[in-house]
Amino acid sequence: MRAGNRWPARLGPALYGSLRRHRRLWAVAALLGLVTAGLAPAIPHLHAWYHFRAARSDLQRYHNPQAVRHLQACLHVWPADADALLLAARAARRARAYEQAERCLEKYQQVRGLDEAGSFEQLLLSAERGVDSVADRCRHHVEQDHPDTPLILEALTRGYLRQYQLPEARLCLDLWLQRQPDNPQALCLKGQFHLDYERCAGSGPGELPPCLGTRSGS
């Protein structure tokens, strides 16, 4: 047999020996392949959980547009998750996307029915969109020291500012800041109040101040 014909005979034992020497690496590679295949269906849910946690953190810091985007990604995977729907309603309300907030609450009700959490968020939404319709009910909760009084005062303040009812907005702001003097959203809305007040005070002769003009209840 010529020398050139000996390579195939030598290649088999060489390959076999290499496989034996690296059998642990091959076993690990095979195991990783199985694990990856097993985790593949869970990857979308891991992404949804990440976006849910990020949205909750953003809402606590009043980063409302970011929270809305995170929750849209979350609900793409979990369209009927009650907790995500309720959080999405709050994020949309704070971002002044009231129609979107209403849709989220409707979907939440389809999942959970009429429960306390959904009813409370609906109250906050109503306070922002048409504060006069729920003002007495909200004030009663505040007087009874509701555990979520800061959220109620926030919605009332935003609702009154939206309709240029400045004295009522100032009262809610003062109560809110007494409870949470360093709350960034309360301080931001206080700045908005002063801007609106200056607009009213700076109206020229014969002009109707915005705070006395047509109030939007939509």
Protein backbone atom coordinates (compact mmCIF):
# COMPACT_ATOMS: atom_id res chain seq x y z
CA MET A 1 0.00 0.00 0.00
CA ARG A 2 1.33 3.43 -0.93
CA ALA A 3 1.85 6.06 1.78
CA GLY A 4 -0.93 8.28 0.41
CA ASN A 5 -3.49 5.59 1.05
CA ARG A 6 -2.69 5.34 4.72
CA TRP A 7 -4.37 8.69 5.69
CA PRO A 8 -7.95 7.36 5.75
CA ALA A 9 -6.90 4.51 7.98
CA ARG A 10 -5.13 6.90 10.32
CA LEU A 11 -7.94 9.53 10.34
CA GLY A 12 -10.50 7.23 11.95
CA PRO A 13 -8.51 6.45 15.11
CA ALA A 14 -7.31 10.07 15.33
CA LEU A 15 -10.87 11.41 15.21
CA TYR A 16 -12.03 8.81 17.69
CA GLY A 17 -9.23 9.72 20.05
CA SER A 18 -10.05 13.42 19.78
CA LEU A 19 -13.69 12.73 20.58
CA ARG A 20 -12.69 10.69 23.63
CA ARG A 21 -10.35 13.43 24.90
CA HIS A 22 -13.05 16.10 24.50
CA ARG A 23 -16.07 14.03 25.41
CA ARG A 24 -16.82 16.24 28.41
CA LEU A 25 -16.90 19.35 26.23
CA TRP A 26 -19.24 17.64 23.81
CA ALA A 27 -21.47 16.56 26.68
CA VAL A 28 -21.61 20.12 28.03
CA ALA A 29 -22.39 21.46 24.55
CA ALA A 30 -25.21 18.95 24.14
CA LEU A 31 -26.59 19.84 27.57
CA LEU A 32 -26.51 23.54 26.77
CA GLY A 33 -28.37 22.85 23.55
CA LEU A 34 -31.10 21.01 25.43
CA VAL A 35 -31.36 23.76 28.05
CA THR A 36 -31.61 26.45 25.36
CA ALA A 37 -34.32 24.52 23.57
CA GLY A 38 -36.21 24.13 26.83
CA LEU A 39 -35.92 27.82 27.72
CA ALA A 40 -37.01 29.11 24.31
CA PRO A 41 -40.75 29.10 25.11
CA ALA A 42 -40.07 30.98 28.36
CA ILE A 43 -38.08 33.81 26.78
CA PRO A 44 -41.13 35.96 25.83
CA HIS A 45 -42.45 35.65 29.39
CA LEU A 46 -39.09 36.69 30.80
CA HIS A 47 -39.21 39.76 28.57
CA ALA A 48 -42.76 40.52 29.72
CA TRP A 49 -41.74 40.23 33.37
CA TYR A 50 -38.80 42.56 32.76
CA HIS A 51 -41.06 45.19 31.15
CA PHE A 52 -43.61 44.87 33.96
CA ARG A 53 -40.99 45.47 36.64
CA ALA A 54 -39.48 48.35 34.68
CA ALA A 55 -42.90 49.96 34.26
CA ARG A 56 -43.65 49.69 37.95
CA SER A 57 -40.33 51.35 38.75
CA ASP A 58 -40.97 54.11 36.20
CA LEU A 59 -44.41 54.82 37.63
CA GLN A 60 -42.98 55.18 41.12
CA ARG A 61 -40.63 57.85 39.72
CA TYR A 62 -43.42 59.46 37.61
CA HIS A 63 -41.69 58.54 34.34
CA ASN A 64 -45.07 58.00 32.74
CA PRO A 65 -44.28 57.80 28.99
CA GLN A 66 -41.57 55.23 29.66
CA ALA A 67 -43.98 53.21 31.80
CA VAL A 68 -46.57 53.27 29.02
CA ARG A 69 -44.06 51.86 26.52
CA HIS A 70 -42.92 49.12 28.90
CA LEU A 71 -46.50 48.07 29.57
CA GLN A 72 -47.35 47.97 25.88
CA ALA A 73 -44.50 45.49 25.43
CA CYS A 74 -45.66 43.53 28.47
CA LEU A 75 -49.28 43.33 27.33
CA HIS A 76 -48.17 42.14 23.89
CA VAL A 77 -47.19 38.89 25.66
CA TRP A 78 -49.70 39.01 28.54
CA PRO A 79 -52.80 40.65 27.01
CA ALA A 80 -55.10 39.41 29.77
CA ASP A 81 -52.85 39.91 32.80
CA ALA A 82 -54.91 41.84 35.34
CA ASP A 83 -51.98 43.41 37.18
CA ALA A 84 -50.43 44.64 33.93
CA LEU A 85 -53.77 46.02 32.72
CA LEU A 86 -54.34 47.93 35.96
CA LEU A 87 -50.82 49.35 35.88
CA ALA A 88 -51.28 50.27 32.21
CA ALA A 89 -54.47 52.14 33.06
CA ARG A 90 -52.64 54.17 35.71
CA ALA A 91 -49.70 54.90 33.42
CA ALA A 92 -52.00 56.01 30.58
CA ARG A 93 -54.02 58.21 32.94
CA ARG A 94 -50.90 59.92 34.25
CA ALA A 95 -49.73 60.40 30.67
CA ARG A 96 -53.14 62.01 29.96
CA ALA A 97 -54.03 59.28 27.48
CA TYR A 98 -57.48 58.99 28.99
CA GLU A 99 -59.13 56.94 26.24
CA GLN A 100 -56.32 54.38 26.47
CA ALA A 101 -56.70 54.28 30.26
CA GLU A 102 -60.42 53.63 29.85
CA ARG A 103 -59.78 50.74 27.45
CA CYS A 104 -57.31 49.17 29.87
CA LEU A 105 -59.84 49.40 32.68
CA GLU A 106 -62.51 47.80 30.50
CA LYS A 107 -60.18 44.88 29.76
CA TYR A 108 -59.26 44.67 33.44
CA GLN A 109 -62.93 44.42 34.36
CA GLN A 110 -63.38 41.60 31.84
CA VAL A 111 -60.65 39.67 33.66
CA ARG A 112 -61.34 40.56 37.29
CA GLY A 113 -64.88 41.90 37.32
CA LEU A 114 -65.86 44.87 39.50
CA ASP A 115 -63.29 44.72 42.28
CA GLU A 116 -61.92 47.36 44.65
CA ALA A 117 -58.67 48.00 42.79
CA GLY A 118 -60.37 48.57 39.46
CA SER A 119 -63.07 50.76 40.98
CA PHE A 120 -60.45 52.91 42.71
CA GLU A 121 -58.48 53.46 39.50
CA GLN A 122 -61.74 54.32 37.73
CA LEU A 123 -62.39 56.92 40.44
CA LEU A 124 -58.96 58.47 39.85
CA LEU A 125 -59.56 58.55 36.11
CA SER A 126 -62.92 60.24 36.62
CA ALA A 127 -61.30 62.78 38.95
CA GLU A 128 -58.90 63.82 36.21
CA ARG A 129 -61.36 63.81 33.33
CA GLY A 130 -64.35 65.40 35.08
CA VAL A 131 -63.43 66.27 38.63
CA ASP A 132 -66.75 67.85 39.61
CA SER A 133 -68.60 64.55 39.15
CA VAL A 134 -66.56 62.73 41.82
CA ALA A 135 -65.14 65.57 43.95
CA ASP A 136 -67.39 64.92 46.95
CA ARG A 137 -66.59 61.22 46.94
CA CYS A 138 -62.86 61.90 46.69
CA ARG A 139 -62.96 64.45 49.51
CA HIS A 140 -64.77 61.93 51.68
CA HIS A 141 -61.98 59.41 51.13
CA VAL A 142 -59.40 62.05 52.06
CA GLU A 143 -61.30 63.02 55.21
CA GLN A 144 -61.48 59.35 56.18
CA ASP A 145 -57.69 59.09 55.73
CA HIS A 146 -57.83 56.58 52.89
CA PRO A 147 -54.53 54.64 52.65
CA ASP A 148 -54.07 55.94 49.09
CA THR A 149 -54.90 59.54 49.92
CA PRO A 150 -51.81 60.88 48.06
CA LEU A 151 -53.04 59.24 44.85
CA ILE A 152 -56.47 60.81 45.34
CA LEU A 153 -54.99 64.25 45.96
CA GLU A 154 -52.80 63.86 42.89
CA ALA A 155 -55.78 63.05 40.67
CA LEU A 156 -57.84 65.88 42.18
CA THR A 157 -55.02 68.37 41.68
CA ARG A 158 -54.54 67.35 38.06
CA GLY A 159 -58.30 67.45 37.47
CA TYR A 160 -58.73 70.92 38.99
CA LEU A 161 -55.70 72.30 37.14
CA ARG A 162 -57.05 70.86 33.91
CA GLN A 163 -60.24 72.88 34.42
CA TYR A 164 -58.46 75.97 35.82
CA GLN A 165 -60.15 75.64 39.20
CA LEU A 166 -57.12 77.10 40.91
CA PRO A 167 -58.36 77.58 44.50
CA GLU A 168 -59.45 73.95 44.65
CA ALA A 169 -56.20 72.82 43.06
CA ARG A 170 -54.19 74.79 45.62
CA LEU A 171 -56.11 73.25 48.50
CA CYS A 172 -55.40 69.72 47.23
CA LEU A 173 -51.75 70.60 46.61
CA ASP A 174 -51.32 71.91 50.14
CA LEU A 175 -52.84 68.76 51.64
CA TRP A 176 -50.67 66.59 49.41
CA LEU A 177 -47.46 68.45 50.28
CA GLN A 178 -48.26 68.25 53.98
CA ARG A 179 -48.16 64.48 53.62
CA GLN A 180 -45.34 64.23 51.08
CA PRO A 181 -43.33 67.49 51.10
CA ASP A 182 -40.64 66.09 48.79
CA ASN A 183 -42.90 64.37 46.28
CA PRO A 184 -41.54 65.34 42.84
CA GLN A 185 -44.92 65.19 41.12
CA ALA A 186 -46.52 67.42 43.75
CA LEU A 187 -43.71 69.94 43.37
CA CYS A 188 -44.05 69.82 39.58
CA LEU A 189 -47.79 70.45 39.77
CA LYS A 190 -47.17 73.28 42.22
CA GLY A 191 -45.03 74.90 39.55
CA GLN A 192 -47.83 74.41 37.01
CA PHE A 193 -50.26 76.00 39.48
CA HIS A 194 -48.11 79.11 39.79
CA LEU A 195 -47.82 79.38 36.00
CA ASP A 196 -51.61 79.14 35.65
CA TYR A 197 -52.08 81.69 38.44
CA GLU A 198 -49.73 84.14 36.73
CA ARG A 199 -51.63 83.68 33.49
CA CYS A 200 -54.85 84.57 35.27
CA ALA A 201 -53.33 87.52 37.10
CA GLY A 202 -51.68 88.80 33.91
CA SER A 203 -54.80 88.96 31.76
CA GLY A 204 -55.21 92.35 30.13
CA PRO A 205 -58.20 94.72 30.40
CA GLY A 206 -61.27 93.27 28.82
CA GLU A 207 -59.69 89.81 28.51
CA LEU A 208 -61.27 86.78 30.11
CA PRO A 209 -58.71 85.04 32.35
CA PRO A 210 -58.25 81.34 31.44
CA CYS A 211 -59.27 80.31 34.94
CA LEU A 212 -62.67 81.95 34.38
CA GLY A 213 -63.10 80.77 30.83
CA THR A 214 -64.79 77.71 29.46
CA ARG A 215 -63.90 74.65 31.51
CA SER A 216 -63.25 71.41 29.72
CA GLY A 217 -64.95 68.41 31.25
CA SER A 218 -64.12 65.97 28.45
